[in-house]
C-alpha atoms as a PDB file:
ATOM      1  CA  MET A   1     -10.621 -17.560  10.330  1.00  0.00           C
ATOM      2  CA  ILE A   2      -8.027 -15.340  11.457  1.00  0.00           C
ATOM      3  CA  HIS A   3      -8.857 -14.792  14.710  1.00  0.00           C
ATOM      4  CA  LEU A   4      -9.125 -18.705  15.140  1.00  0.00           C
ATOM      5  CA  LEU A   5      -5.402 -18.707  13.288  1.00  0.00           C
ATOM      6  CA  ARG A   6      -4.350 -16.588  15.963  1.00  0.00           C
ATOM      7  CA  ILE A   7      -5.257 -18.557  18.641  1.00  0.00           C
ATOM      8  CA  LEU A   8      -3.683 -21.462  17.259  1.00  0.00           C
ATOM      9  CA  LEU A   9      -0.454 -19.823  17.114  1.00  0.00           C
ATOM     10  CA  LEU A  10      -0.705 -18.126  20.379  1.00  0.00           C
ATOM     11  CA  GLY A  11      -1.256 -21.939  21.572  1.00  0.00           C
ATOM     12  CA  LEU A  12       2.052 -22.803  19.922  1.00  0.00           C
ATOM     13  CA  GLY A  13       4.166 -19.820  20.572  1.00  0.00           C
ATOM     14  CA  LEU A  14       4.740 -19.216  17.012  1.00  0.00           C
ATOM     15  CA  THR A  15       3.125 -15.175  16.654  1.00  0.00           C
ATOM     16  CA  GLN A  16       4.685 -12.839  14.932  1.00  0.00           C
ATOM     17  CA  PRO A  17       4.639  -9.034  14.890  1.00  0.00           C
ATOM     18  CA  ALA A  18       2.672  -8.950  11.614  1.00  0.00           C
ATOM     19  CA  LEU A  19      -0.384 -10.964  12.104  1.00  0.00           C
ATOM     20  CA  LEU A  20      -0.789 -12.456   8.508  1.00  0.00           C
ATOM     21  CA  SER A  21       2.010 -12.160   5.117  1.00  0.00           C
ATOM     22  CA  ALA A  22       1.513 -13.162   2.110  1.00  0.00           C
ATOM     23  CA  ALA A  23       4.265 -15.701   0.506  1.00  0.00           C
ATOM     24  CA  GLY A  24       5.591 -14.803  -2.669  1.00  0.00           C
ATOM     25  CA  PRO A  25       4.001 -11.969  -5.008  1.00  0.00           C
ATOM     26  CA  VAL A  26       0.372 -11.656  -5.803  1.00  0.00           C
ATOM     27  CA  ALA A  27      -1.491 -10.657  -9.032  1.00  0.00           C
ATOM     28  CA  THR A  28      -3.901  -8.013  -8.937  1.00  0.00           C
ATOM     29  CA  PRO A  29      -6.300  -6.361 -11.658  1.00  0.00           C
ATOM     30  CA  TYR A  30      -3.680  -3.268 -11.627  1.00  0.00           C
ATOM     31  CA  GLY A  31      -0.526  -5.404 -11.237  1.00  0.00           C
ATOM     32  CA  GLU A  32       1.385  -8.057  -9.653  1.00  0.00           C
ATOM     33  CA  VAL A  33       2.420  -7.081  -6.197  1.00  0.00           C
ATOM     34  CA  SER A  34       5.380  -8.322  -4.857  1.00  0.00           C
ATOM     35  CA  LEU A  35       5.661  -6.739  -1.405  1.00  0.00           C
ATOM     36  CA  PRO A  36       4.282  -9.177   1.641  1.00  0.00           C
ATOM     37  CA  LEU A  37       1.859  -5.680   2.820  1.00  0.00           C
ATOM     38  CA  GLU A  38       2.150  -7.492   6.236  1.00  0.00           C
ATOM     39  CA  LEU A  39      -1.163  -6.690   8.241  1.00  0.00           C
ATOM     40  CA  HIS A  40      -0.938  -5.813  11.608  1.00  0.00           C
ATOM     41  CA  GLN A  41      -3.231  -5.624  14.788  1.00  0.00           C
ATOM     42  CA  VAL A  42      -3.230  -3.428  17.791  1.00  0.00           C
ATOM     43  CA  PRO A  43      -3.257  -5.263  20.837  1.00  0.00           C
ATOM     44  CA  ASP A  44      -7.000  -5.553  22.597  1.00  0.00           C
ATOM     45  CA  ALA A  45      -8.732  -3.867  19.546  1.00  0.00           C
ATOM     46  CA  PRO A  46     -10.379  -4.677  16.380  1.00  0.00           C
ATOM     47  CA  VAL A  47      -8.270  -2.169  14.338  1.00  0.00           C
ATOM     48  CA  TYR A  48      -5.825  -3.153  12.102  1.00  0.00           C
ATOM     49  CA  TYR A  49      -3.149  -1.420  10.075  1.00  0.00           C
ATOM     50  CA  LEU A  50      -0.292  -1.684   7.083  1.00  0.00           C
ATOM     51  CA  VAL A  51       3.089   0.040   7.091  1.00  0.00           C
ATOM     52  CA  GLY A  52       4.774   1.417   4.656  1.00  0.00           C
ATOM     53  CA  LEU A  53       8.434   1.637   3.196  1.00  0.00           C
ATOM     54  CA  SER A  54      10.637   4.407   3.970  1.00  0.00           C
ATOM     55  CA  GLY A  55      11.763   6.079   1.243  1.00  0.00           C
ATOM     56  CA  VAL A  56      10.295   8.264  -2.583  1.00  0.00           C
ATOM     57  CA  PRO A  57       7.820   6.188  -4.284  1.00  0.00           C
ATOM     58  CA  GLY A  58       9.518   3.894  -6.656  1.00  0.00           C
ATOM     59  CA  ALA A  59       9.661   0.963  -8.399  1.00  0.00           C
ATOM     60  CA  GLU A  60      11.832  -0.486  -5.696  1.00  0.00           C
ATOM     61  CA  ASN A  61       8.976  -0.044  -3.158  1.00  0.00           C
ATOM     62  CA  GLU A  62       6.153  -0.427  -5.604  1.00  0.00           C
ATOM     63  CA  GLY A  63       4.928   2.662  -4.314  1.00  0.00           C
ATOM     64  CA  HIS A  64       4.204   1.356  -0.685  1.00  0.00           C
ATOM     65  CA  THR A  65       5.630   4.147   1.442  1.00  0.00           C
ATOM     66  CA  SER A  66       2.328   5.619   3.366  1.00  0.00           C
ATOM     67  CA  ASN A  67       0.422   3.691   6.316  1.00  0.00           C
ATOM     68  CA  ALA A  68      -3.168   2.876   5.946  1.00  0.00           C
ATOM     69  CA  GLY A  69      -5.664   0.875   8.249  1.00  0.00           C
ATOM     70  CA  PHE A  70      -9.421  -0.227   8.882  1.00  0.00           C
ATOM     71  CA  VAL A  71     -11.648  -1.091  12.079  1.00  0.00           C
ATOM     72  CA  VAL A  72     -13.704  -3.632  11.990  1.00  0.00           C
ATOM     73  CA  THR A  73     -17.360  -3.129  13.713  1.00  0.00           C
ATOM     74  CA  ASP A  74     -20.761  -5.312  13.697  1.00  0.00           C
ATOM     75  CA  ALA A  75     -22.218  -2.706  10.739  1.00  0.00           C
ATOM     76  CA  GLY A  76     -19.699  -2.728   8.908  1.00  0.00           C
ATOM     77  CA  VAL A  77     -15.929  -1.801   8.298  1.00  0.00           C
ATOM     78  CA  VAL A  78     -14.024   1.840   8.525  1.00  0.00           C
ATOM     79  CA  VAL A  79     -10.981   2.420   6.629  1.00  0.00           C
ATOM     80  CA  PHE A  80      -8.374   5.248   6.866  1.00  0.00           C
ATOM     81  CA  ASP A  81      -6.412   6.107   3.716  1.00  0.00           C
ATOM     82  CA  ALA A  82      -5.788   3.755   1.003  1.00  0.00           C
ATOM     83  CA  LEU A  83      -2.072   3.557   0.464  1.00  0.00           C
ATOM     84  CA  GLY A  84       0.061   4.885  -3.251  1.00  0.00           C
ATOM     85  CA  THR A  85      -1.627   2.443  -5.662  1.00  0.00           C
ATOM     86  CA  PRO A  86      -4.901   0.825  -7.155  1.00  0.00           C
ATOM     87  CA  ALA A  87      -2.814  -2.582  -7.027  1.00  0.00           C
ATOM     88  CA  LEU A  88      -2.120  -1.436  -3.173  1.00  0.00           C
ATOM     89  CA  GLY A  89      -5.461  -0.602  -2.333  1.00  0.00           C
ATOM     90  CA  TYR A  90      -6.365  -3.930  -3.829  1.00  0.00           C
ATOM     91  CA  ARG A  91      -4.259  -6.002  -1.710  1.00  0.00           C
ATOM     92  CA  MET A  92      -5.565  -3.587   1.463  1.00  0.00           C
ATOM     93  CA  LEU A  93      -9.512  -5.027   0.342  1.00  0.00           C
ATOM     94  CA  GLN A  94      -8.179  -8.517  -0.017  1.00  0.00           C
ATOM     95  CA  ARG A  95      -6.452  -8.261   3.802  1.00  0.00           C
ATOM     96  CA  ILE A  96      -9.614  -6.840   4.669  1.00  0.00           C
ATOM     97  CA  ARG A  97     -11.219  -9.375   3.572  1.00  0.00           C
ATOM     98  CA  GLU A  98      -8.966 -12.012   5.492  1.00  0.00           C
ATOM     99  CA  VAL A  99     -10.419 -10.425   8.135  1.00  0.00           C
ATOM    100  CA  THR A 100     -14.078  -9.876   8.032  1.00  0.00           C
ATOM    101  CA  ASP A 101     -16.655 -10.124   5.178  1.00  0.00           C
ATOM    102  CA  GLN A 102     -18.605  -7.034   6.482  1.00  0.00           C
ATOM    103  CA  PRO A 103     -19.069  -4.562   4.096  1.00  0.00           C
ATOM    104  CA  ILE A 104     -16.940  -1.375   3.920  1.00  0.00           C
ATOM    105  CA  GLU A 105     -18.815   1.327   5.486  1.00  0.00           C
ATOM    106  CA  ARG A 106     -16.590   4.581   4.440  1.00  0.00           C
ATOM    107  CA  ILE A 107     -13.087   5.109   4.154  1.00  0.00           C
ATOM    108  CA  ILE A 108     -11.870   8.305   5.589  1.00  0.00           C
ATOM    109  CA  VAL A 109      -9.084  10.359   3.745  1.00  0.00           C
ATOM    110  CA  SER A 110      -6.411  12.100   5.987  1.00  0.00           C
ATOM    111  CA  HIS A 111      -5.211  14.272   3.371  1.00  0.00           C
ATOM    112  CA  TYR A 112      -5.333  14.325  -0.722  1.00  0.00           C
ATOM    113  CA  HIS A 113      -1.541  12.971  -1.277  1.00  0.00           C
ATOM    114  CA  ALA A 114      -1.178  10.840  -3.991  1.00  0.00           C
ATOM    115  CA  ASP A 115       0.540   8.070  -1.230  1.00  0.00           C
ATOM    116  CA  HIS A 116      -2.666   7.653   0.530  1.00  0.00           C
ATOM    117  CA  ILE A 117      -5.499   8.132  -2.491  1.00  0.00           C
ATOM    118  CA  TYR A 118      -4.492   6.412  -5.576  1.00  0.00           C
ATOM    119  CA  GLY A 119      -5.554   3.287  -3.927  1.00  0.00           C
ATOM    120  CA  LEU A 120      -9.091   4.857  -3.423  1.00  0.00           C
ATOM    121  CA  GLN A 121      -9.692   3.595  -7.227  1.00  0.00           C
ATOM    122  CA  ALA A 122      -9.427  -0.236  -5.988  1.00  0.00           C
ATOM    123  CA  PHE A 123     -12.208   0.105  -3.273  1.00  0.00           C
ATOM    124  CA  GLU A 124     -14.787   2.203  -5.717  1.00  0.00           C
ATOM    125  CA  GLU A 125     -14.223  -0.863  -8.706  1.00  0.00           C
ATOM    126  CA  HIS A 126     -14.509  -3.687  -6.012  1.00  0.00           C
ATOM    127  CA  ALA A 127     -15.983  -2.555  -2.842  1.00  0.00           C
ATOM    128  CA  GLY A 128     -19.108  -1.761  -4.108  1.00  0.00           C
ATOM    129  CA  ASP A 129     -17.703   2.017  -4.131  1.00  0.00           C
ATOM    130  CA  PRO A 130     -18.316   2.802  -0.389  1.00  0.00           C
ATOM    131  CA  PRO A 131     -18.613   6.914   0.212  1.00  0.00           C
ATOM    132  CA  VAL A 132     -15.101   8.553   0.764  1.00  0.00           C
ATOM    133  CA  TRP A 133     -14.600  11.417   3.328  1.00  0.00           C
ATOM    134  CA  ALA A 134     -12.016  14.062   3.538  1.00  0.00           C
ATOM    135  CA  GLN A 135     -11.759  17.593   4.790  1.00  0.00           C
ATOM    136  CA  GLN A 136     -13.029  20.163   2.629  1.00  0.00           C
ATOM    137  CA  LEU A 137      -9.924  21.622   1.310  1.00  0.00           C
ATOM    138  CA  ALA A 138      -9.286  17.892  -0.689  1.00  0.00           C
ATOM    139  CA  LEU A 139     -11.766  19.552  -3.299  1.00  0.00           C
ATOM    140  CA  GLY A 140      -9.287  22.075  -4.375  1.00  0.00           C
ATOM    141  CA  TYR A 141      -6.784  19.313  -5.082  1.00  0.00           C
ATOM    142  CA  VAL A 142      -9.227  17.349  -7.519  1.00  0.00           C
ATOM    143  CA  GLY A 143      -9.752  20.499  -8.841  1.00  0.00           C
ATOM    144  CA  GLY A 144     -13.538  21.320  -7.458  1.00  0.00           C
ATOM    145  CA  SER A 145     -12.558  24.584  -6.158  1.00  0.00           C
ATOM    146  CA  SER A 146      -8.881  25.768  -7.300  1.00  0.00           C
ATOM    147  CA  ALA A 147      -7.807  24.953 -11.213  1.00  0.00           C
ATOM    148  CA  SER A 148      -4.455  25.388 -10.158  1.00  0.00           C
ATOM    149  CA  GLN A 149      -4.138  22.602  -7.493  1.00  0.00           C
ATOM    150  CA  GLY A 150      -6.158  20.059 -10.212  1.00  0.00           C
ATOM    151  CA  GLU A 151      -3.212  20.880 -12.351  1.00  0.00           C
ATOM    152  CA  ASP A 152      -0.842  19.764  -9.459  1.00  0.00           C
ATOM    153  CA  ALA A 153      -2.918  16.678  -8.830  1.00  0.00           C
ATOM    154  CA  GLU A 154      -2.795  15.957 -12.389  1.00  0.00           C
ATOM    155  CA  ARG A 155       1.120  16.478 -12.665  1.00  0.00           C
ATOM    156  CA  ARG A 156       1.779  14.440 -10.048  1.00  0.00           C
ATOM    157  CA  LEU A 157      -0.331  11.747 -11.286  1.00  0.00           C
ATOM    158  CA  ALA A 158       1.969  11.954 -14.845  1.00  0.00           C
ATOM    159  CA  GLN A 159       4.923  11.776 -12.596  1.00  0.00           C
ATOM    160  CA  ARG A 160       3.508   8.747 -10.824  1.00  0.00           C
ATOM    161  CA  ARG A 161       2.662   6.932 -14.033  1.00  0.00           C
ATOM    162  CA  GLU A 162       5.773   7.456 -14.924  1.00  0.00           C
ATOM    163  CA  ALA A 163       7.932   6.770 -11.648  1.00  0.00           C
ATOM    164  CA  LEU A 164       5.238   3.768 -10.481  1.00  0.00           C
ATOM    165  CA  PHE A 165       4.532   2.165 -14.053  1.00  0.00           C
ATOM    166  CA  PRO A 166       2.874  -0.355 -14.383  1.00  0.00           C
ATOM    167  CA  TRP A 167       0.926  -0.153 -10.822  1.00  0.00           C
ATOM    168  CA  VAL A 168       0.315   3.292 -11.932  1.00  0.00           C
ATOM    169  CA  ASP A 169      -0.784   4.054 -15.492  1.00  0.00           C
ATOM    170  CA  GLU A 170      -2.686   5.407 -18.057  1.00  0.00           C
ATOM    171  CA  ASN A 171      -6.100   3.977 -16.298  1.00  0.00           C
ATOM    172  CA  THR A 172      -5.452   5.349 -13.129  1.00  0.00           C
ATOM    173  CA  HIS A 173      -7.524   8.137 -11.645  1.00  0.00           C
ATOM    174  CA  ILE A 174      -8.007  10.216  -8.382  1.00  0.00           C
ATOM    175  CA  VAL A 175     -11.360   9.605  -6.743  1.00  0.00           C
ATOM    176  CA  ALA A 176     -12.663  12.669  -5.670  1.00  0.00           C
ATOM    177  CA  PRO A 177     -14.617  12.326  -1.741  1.00  0.00           C
ATOM    178  CA  ASP A 178     -18.252  11.858  -2.104  1.00  0.00           C
ATOM    179  CA  HIS A 179     -18.506  14.093   1.385  1.00  0.00           C
ATOM    180  CA  THR A 180     -16.682  16.880   3.408  1.00  0.00           C
ATOM    181  CA  PHE A 181     -16.740  18.430   6.533  1.00  0.00           C
ATOM    182  CA  GLU A 182     -14.860  21.475   7.716  1.00  0.00           C
ATOM    183  CA  LYS A 183     -13.481  21.067  10.884  1.00  0.00           C
ATOM    184  CA  GLU A 184     -15.153  18.225  13.122  1.00  0.00           C
ATOM    185  CA  LEU A 185     -16.913  15.187  12.376  1.00  0.00           C
ATOM    186  CA  ARG A 186     -18.095  12.657  14.844  1.00  0.00           C
ATOM    187  CA  PHE A 187     -20.037   9.321  13.629  1.00  0.00           C
ATOM    188  CA  GLU A 188     -20.829   5.994  14.933  1.00  0.00           C
ATOM    189  CA  VAL A 189     -20.695   2.428  13.034  1.00  0.00           C
ATOM    190  CA  GLY A 190     -21.746  -1.158  14.884  1.00  0.00           C
ATOM    191  CA  GLY A 191     -21.278   0.767  18.583  1.00  0.00           C
ATOM    192  CA  VAL A 192     -18.108   2.368  17.855  1.00  0.00           C
ATOM    193  CA  GLU A 193     -17.457   5.652  18.054  1.00  0.00           C
ATOM    194  CA  PHE A 194     -15.222   8.187  16.027  1.00  0.00           C
ATOM    195  CA  LEU A 195     -13.938  11.348  15.916  1.00  0.00           C
ATOM    196  CA  VAL A 196     -12.145  13.150  12.695  1.00  0.00           C
ATOM    197  CA  ARG A 197     -10.527  16.415  13.378  1.00  0.00           C
ATOM    198  CA  HIS A 198      -8.902  18.815  10.615  1.00  0.00           C
ATOM    199  CA  LEU A 199      -5.406  19.759  12.153  1.00  0.00           C
ATOM    200  CA  GLY A 200      -3.994  21.488   8.878  1.00  0.00           C
ATOM    201  CA  PRO A 201      -2.934  23.250   7.125  1.00  0.00           C
ATOM    202  CA  SER A 202       0.193  21.671   7.941  1.00  0.00           C
ATOM    203  CA  HIS A 203       1.705  19.315   5.932  1.00  0.00           C
ATOM    204  CA  ALA A 204      -1.340  19.251   3.373  1.00  0.00           C
ATOM    205  CA  PRO A 205      -4.369  21.561   3.514  1.00  0.00           C
ATOM    206  CA  GLY A 206      -6.489  18.933   4.407  1.00  0.00           C
ATOM    207  CA  ASP A 207      -4.581  17.261   7.146  1.00  0.00           C
ATOM    208  CA  SER A 208      -7.068  15.394   9.578  1.00  0.00           C
ATOM    209  CA  ILE A 209      -6.855  12.508  12.180  1.00  0.00           C
ATOM    210  CA  MET A 210      -9.019  10.139  13.297  1.00  0.00           C
ATOM    211  CA  LEU A 211      -9.880   8.576  16.856  1.00  0.00           C
ATOM    212  CA  VAL A 212     -10.952   5.399  17.327  1.00  0.00           C
ATOM    213  CA  GLU A 213     -12.527   6.473  20.805  1.00  0.00           C
ATOM    214  CA  ASP A 214     -13.858   3.174  22.160  1.00  0.00           C
ATOM    215  CA  TYR A 215     -10.390   1.662  21.738  1.00  0.00           C
ATOM    216  CA  GLY A 216      -7.876   4.779  22.304  1.00  0.00           C
ATOM    217  CA  VAL A 217      -6.496   4.468  19.013  1.00  0.00           C
ATOM    218  CA  LEU A 218      -5.296   7.122  16.943  1.00  0.00           C
ATOM    219  CA  PHE A 219      -4.784   7.251  13.102  1.00  0.00           C
ATOM    220  CA  SER A 220      -2.653  10.498  12.963  1.00  0.00           C
ATOM    221  CA  GLY A 221      -1.912  10.887   8.764  1.00  0.00           C
ATOM    222  CA  ASP A 222       1.070  12.859   7.892  1.00  0.00           C
ATOM    223  CA  VAL A 223       0.488  14.947  10.882  1.00  0.00           C
ATOM    224  CA  ILE A 224       2.913  12.472  12.757  1.00  0.00           C
ATOM    225  CA  TYR A 225       5.815  11.069  10.859  1.00  0.00           C
ATOM    226  CA  GLN A 226       7.660   8.159  13.524  1.00  0.00           C
ATOM    227  CA  GLY A 227      11.064   7.336  13.449  1.00  0.00           C
ATOM    228  CA  ARG A 228      11.984   9.070   9.975  1.00  0.00           C
ATOM    229  CA  VAL A 229      12.305  12.235   9.023  1.00  0.00           C
ATOM    230  CA  PRO A 230       8.964  14.393   8.490  1.00  0.00           C
ATOM    231  CA  PHE A 231       8.539  16.096   4.789  1.00  0.00           C
ATOM    232  CA  LEU A 232       7.915  19.803   4.955  1.00  0.00           C
ATOM    233  CA  ASP A 233       8.944  20.521   1.759  1.00  0.00           C
ATOM    234  CA  SER A 234       5.736  21.242  -0.224  1.00  0.00           C
ATOM    235  CA  PRO A 235       4.112  24.483  -1.280  1.00  0.00           C
ATOM    236  CA  GLN A 236       1.207  24.161   1.067  1.00  0.00           C
ATOM    237  CA  THR A 237       3.151  22.989   4.199  1.00  0.00           C
ATOM    238  CA  ASP A 238       2.320  25.383   6.974  1.00  0.00           C
ATOM    239  CA  SER A 239       4.713  24.366   9.676  1.00  0.00           C
ATOM    240  CA  GLN A 240       2.932  26.853  12.377  1.00  0.00           C
ATOM    241  CA  ARG A 241       0.011  25.210  11.964  1.00  0.00           C
ATOM    242  CA  TRP A 242       1.548  21.956  12.212  1.00  0.00           C
ATOM    243  CA  LEU A 243       2.739  22.739  15.638  1.00  0.00           C
ATOM    244  CA  GLU A 244      -1.113  24.203  16.395  1.00  0.00           C
ATOM    245  CA  GLY A 245      -2.238  20.654  15.600  1.00  0.00           C
ATOM    246  CA  LEU A 246       0.173  18.880  17.340  1.00  0.00           C
ATOM    247  CA  GLU A 247      -0.363  20.436  20.465  1.00  0.00           C
ATOM    248  CA  TYR A 248      -4.003  19.606  20.088  1.00  0.00           C
ATOM    249  CA  LEU A 249      -3.187  16.351  20.337  1.00  0.00           C
ATOM    250  CA  THR A 250      -0.933  16.251  23.590  1.00  0.00           C
ATOM    251  CA  LEU A 251      -4.629  17.601  24.983  1.00  0.00           C
ATOM    252  CA  LEU A 252      -6.599  14.680  23.850  1.00  0.00           C
ATOM    253  CA  GLU A 253      -8.756  13.326  26.996  1.00  0.00           C
ATOM    254  CA  PRO A 254      -8.253  10.359  27.516  1.00  0.00           C
ATOM    255  CA  SER A 255      -4.782  10.453  25.835  1.00  0.00           C
ATOM    256  CA  PRO A 256      -4.468   7.885  22.993  1.00  0.00           C
ATOM    257  CA  ARG A 257      -3.151   4.824  23.663  1.00  0.00           C
ATOM    258  CA  PHE A 258      -1.916   3.677  20.125  1.00  0.00           C
ATOM    259  CA  ILE A 259      -0.839   5.547  17.416  1.00  0.00           C
ATOM    260  CA  ILE A 260      -0.368   4.777  13.950  1.00  0.00           C
ATOM    261  CA  PRO A 261       1.091   7.386  12.031  1.00  0.00           C
ATOM    262  CA  GLY A 262       1.218   8.414   8.044  1.00  0.00           C
ATOM    263  CA  HIS A 263       4.231   7.114   7.764  1.00  0.00           C
ATOM    264  CA  GLY A 264       6.658   4.693  10.026  1.00  0.00           C
ATOM    265  CA  ASP A 265       6.106   1.999  12.767  1.00  0.00           C
ATOM    266  CA  ALA A 266       2.824   1.977  14.810  1.00  0.00           C
ATOM    267  CA  SER A 267       3.293   2.842  18.397  1.00  0.00           C
ATOM    268  CA  ALA A 268       2.087   2.169  22.063  1.00  0.00           C
ATOM    269  CA  ASN A 269       3.951   5.634  22.928  1.00  0.00           C
ATOM    270  CA  PRO A 270       1.794   8.623  21.311  1.00  0.00           C
ATOM    271  CA  GLU A 271       3.255  11.039  23.300  1.00  0.00           C
ATOM    272  CA  GLN A 272       6.585   9.950  22.210  1.00  0.00           C
ATOM    273  CA  ALA A 273       5.672  10.080  18.544  1.00  0.00           C
ATOM    274  CA  VAL A 274       3.714  13.869  18.681  1.00  0.00           C
ATOM    275  CA  ARG A 275       7.124  15.237  20.658  1.00  0.00           C
ATOM    276  CA  ALA A 276       9.589  13.849  17.931  1.00  0.00           C
ATOM    277  CA  THR A 277       7.659  15.391  15.104  1.00  0.00           C
ATOM    278  CA  ARG A 278       7.085  18.652  16.891  1.00  0.00           C
ATOM    279  CA  ASP A 279      10.772  18.507  18.186  1.00  0.00           C
ATOM    280  CA  TYR A 280      11.949  18.136  14.771  1.00  0.00           C
ATOM    281  CA  ILE A 281       9.686  20.965  13.425  1.00  0.00           C
ATOM    282  CA  ARG A 282      10.856  23.360  15.916  1.00  0.00           C
ATOM    283  CA  TYR A 283      14.269  22.778  15.294  1.00  0.00           C
ATOM    284  CA  VAL A 284      13.965  23.201  11.510  1.00  0.00           C
ATOM    285  CA  ARG A 285      12.234  26.367  12.501  1.00  0.00           C
ATOM    286  CA  GLU A 286      14.378  28.047  14.886  1.00  0.00           C
ATOM    287  CA  ALA A 287      17.533  27.278  12.659  1.00  0.00           C
ATOM    288  CA  MET A 288      16.083  28.789   9.555  1.00  0.00           C
ATOM    289  CA  ARG A 289      14.463  32.210  11.321  1.00  0.00           C
ATOM    290  CA  LYS A 290      17.943  32.608  13.264  1.00  0.00           C
ATOM    291  CA  ALA A 291      19.316  32.283   9.989  1.00  0.00           C
ATOM    292  CA  VAL A 292      17.044  35.156   8.053  1.00  0.00           C
ATOM    293  CA  GLN A 293      17.749  37.541  11.338  1.00  0.00           C
ATOM    294  CA  ASP A 294      21.023  36.838  10.373  1.00  0.00           C
ATOM    295  CA  PHE A 295      20.641  37.747   6.756  1.00  0.00           C
ATOM    296  CA  MET A 296      22.419  34.356   6.183  1.00  0.00           C
ATOM    297  CA  SER A 297      21.699  32.947   2.329  1.00  0.00           C
ATOM    298  CA  PHE A 298      20.229  29.499   2.818  1.00  0.00           C
ATOM    299  CA  ASP A 299      23.335  27.517   1.766  1.00  0.00           C
ATOM    300  CA  GLU A 300      25.065  29.096   4.775  1.00  0.00           C
ATOM    301  CA  ALA A 301      22.410  28.405   6.910  1.00  0.00           C
ATOM    302  CA  TYR A 302      21.958  24.870   6.098  1.00  0.00           C
ATOM    303  CA  ALA A 303      25.735  24.121   6.439  1.00  0.00           C
ATOM    304  CA  GLN A 304      26.041  25.656   9.527  1.00  0.00           C
ATOM    305  CA  THR A 305      23.786  24.139  11.438  1.00  0.00           C
ATOM    306  CA  ASP A 306      24.036  20.921  13.526  1.00  0.00           C
ATOM    307  CA  TRP A 307      21.714  17.864  11.912  1.00  0.00           C
ATOM    308  CA  SER A 308      23.467  15.174  13.838  1.00  0.00           C
ATOM    309  CA  ASP A 309      20.434  14.557  16.051  1.00  0.00           C
ATOM    310  CA  TYR A 310      18.646  13.610  12.520  1.00  0.00           C
ATOM    311  CA  GLU A 311      21.283  12.588   9.863  1.00  0.00           C
ATOM    312  CA  HIS A 312      20.721   8.987  10.887  1.00  0.00           C
ATOM    313  CA  LEU A 313      17.140   8.757  10.462  1.00  0.00           C
ATOM    314  CA  PRO A 314      15.417   7.170   7.496  1.00  0.00           C
ATOM    315  CA  ALA A 315      14.324  10.069   4.716  1.00  0.00           C
ATOM    316  CA  PHE A 316      17.340  12.659   6.076  1.00  0.00           C
ATOM    317  CA  ASP A 317      19.110  12.345   2.538  1.00  0.00           C
ATOM    318  CA  ALA A 318      15.699  12.779   0.687  1.00  0.00           C
ATOM    319  CA  SER A 319      13.776  15.239   2.421  1.00  0.00           C
ATOM    320  CA  ASN A 320      15.987  17.442   5.153  1.00  0.00           C
ATOM    321  CA  ARG A 321      17.581  19.855   3.244  1.00  0.00           C
ATOM    322  CA  GLY A 322      14.267  20.203   1.143  1.00  0.00           C
ATOM    323  CA  ASN A 323      12.347  20.801   4.284  1.00  0.00           C
ATOM    324  CA  ALA A 324      14.916  23.117   5.640  1.00  0.00           C
ATOM    325  CA  TYR A 325      14.460  25.265   2.684  1.00  0.00           C
ATOM    326  CA  ARG A 326      10.800  25.369   2.770  1.00  0.00           C
ATOM    327  CA  ILE A 327      10.963  26.706   6.101  1.00  0.00           C
ATOM    328  CA  PHE A 328      13.818  29.064   5.143  1.00  0.00           C
ATOM    329  CA  LEU A 329      11.488  30.422   2.926  1.00  0.00           C
ATOM    330  CA  GLU A 330       8.449  30.462   5.104  1.00  0.00           C
ATOM    331  CA  MET A 331      10.575  32.012   8.025  1.00  0.00           C
ATOM    332  CA  GLU A 332      11.557  35.027   4.934  1.00  0.00           C
ATOM    333  CA  ALA A 333       8.216  35.653   4.368  1.00  0.00           C
ATOM    334  CA  ALA A 334       7.423  35.938   8.190  1.00  0.00           C
ATOM    335  CA  ALA A 335      10.026  38.150   8.347  1.00  0.00           C
ATOM    336  CA  LEU A 336       9.113  40.669   5.429  1.00  0.00           C
ATOM    337  CA  GLY A 337       5.139  40.431   7.122  1.00  0.00           C
ATOM    338  CA  GLY A 338       6.753  41.876  10.149  1.00  0.00           C
ATOM    339  CA  GLU A 339       5.760  38.715  12.314  1.00  0.00           C
END
């Protein structure tokens, strides 16, 4: 049905960047969603995606700050990430059903951060509980191998129950992965070849990307932030490994033709998207490394750094100072370790 609608709109010259937009609030079993949740399609590919809003998850954006997407094949749907609330996950599932009635074959999770995983509950409860795959370090987040990280996940859930009520409430729970992999996962669904690769720890321990090889489409998760300041302010962030992961993306052959980042707009220029994230991380690292070498305090270092290339970007006010402080600590630790 959706493909017929697109053909009709093309004939009338009425196509829009968004494939389908919902008009008005939509009720879900997890609360009403007032956001349009516009569905986009990659040109010349059965690959679809949703773009989150810039900012910290809260009532004003209903927790919709991350991107997610899916690939339709003849044998089922492969989903990548599940958005930041069960209500958003349910709306994503509805969007999938507007495109196809194929079953959800599996869900690939880029990393276990709240804004990418709380929507899994809707797939568990309303899509036949499809298998969830993630890099094995995700088990630490849900408490499978690290009590402290499991406690971090519970603290985050408690925080989101306050910040995102009623979309996250006492009935919201974390869905653990059914299957994990270590470095690389290759699989085929309906004749379409997929590559999932671990590039972390970088932004998070389990950071992974998914390449839809037949269509040259890369789902980068939070390894790439497009058109906004990345988030480096996490105890698990490893900026050097992050740069190594970005270098891996530059060496992919053939190069992807389209990239869907973890946050920000999709792009038909993957090279530019990789470069923008890489250049920001390099800049912060170099500024904070020099400050540590010069025995400056963080406040001095931050005040004396020229942020003019980045201060206009979304999320600068919310993230940049915390990013710089996290990297300052990383540079201090490296200096003390003699690196």
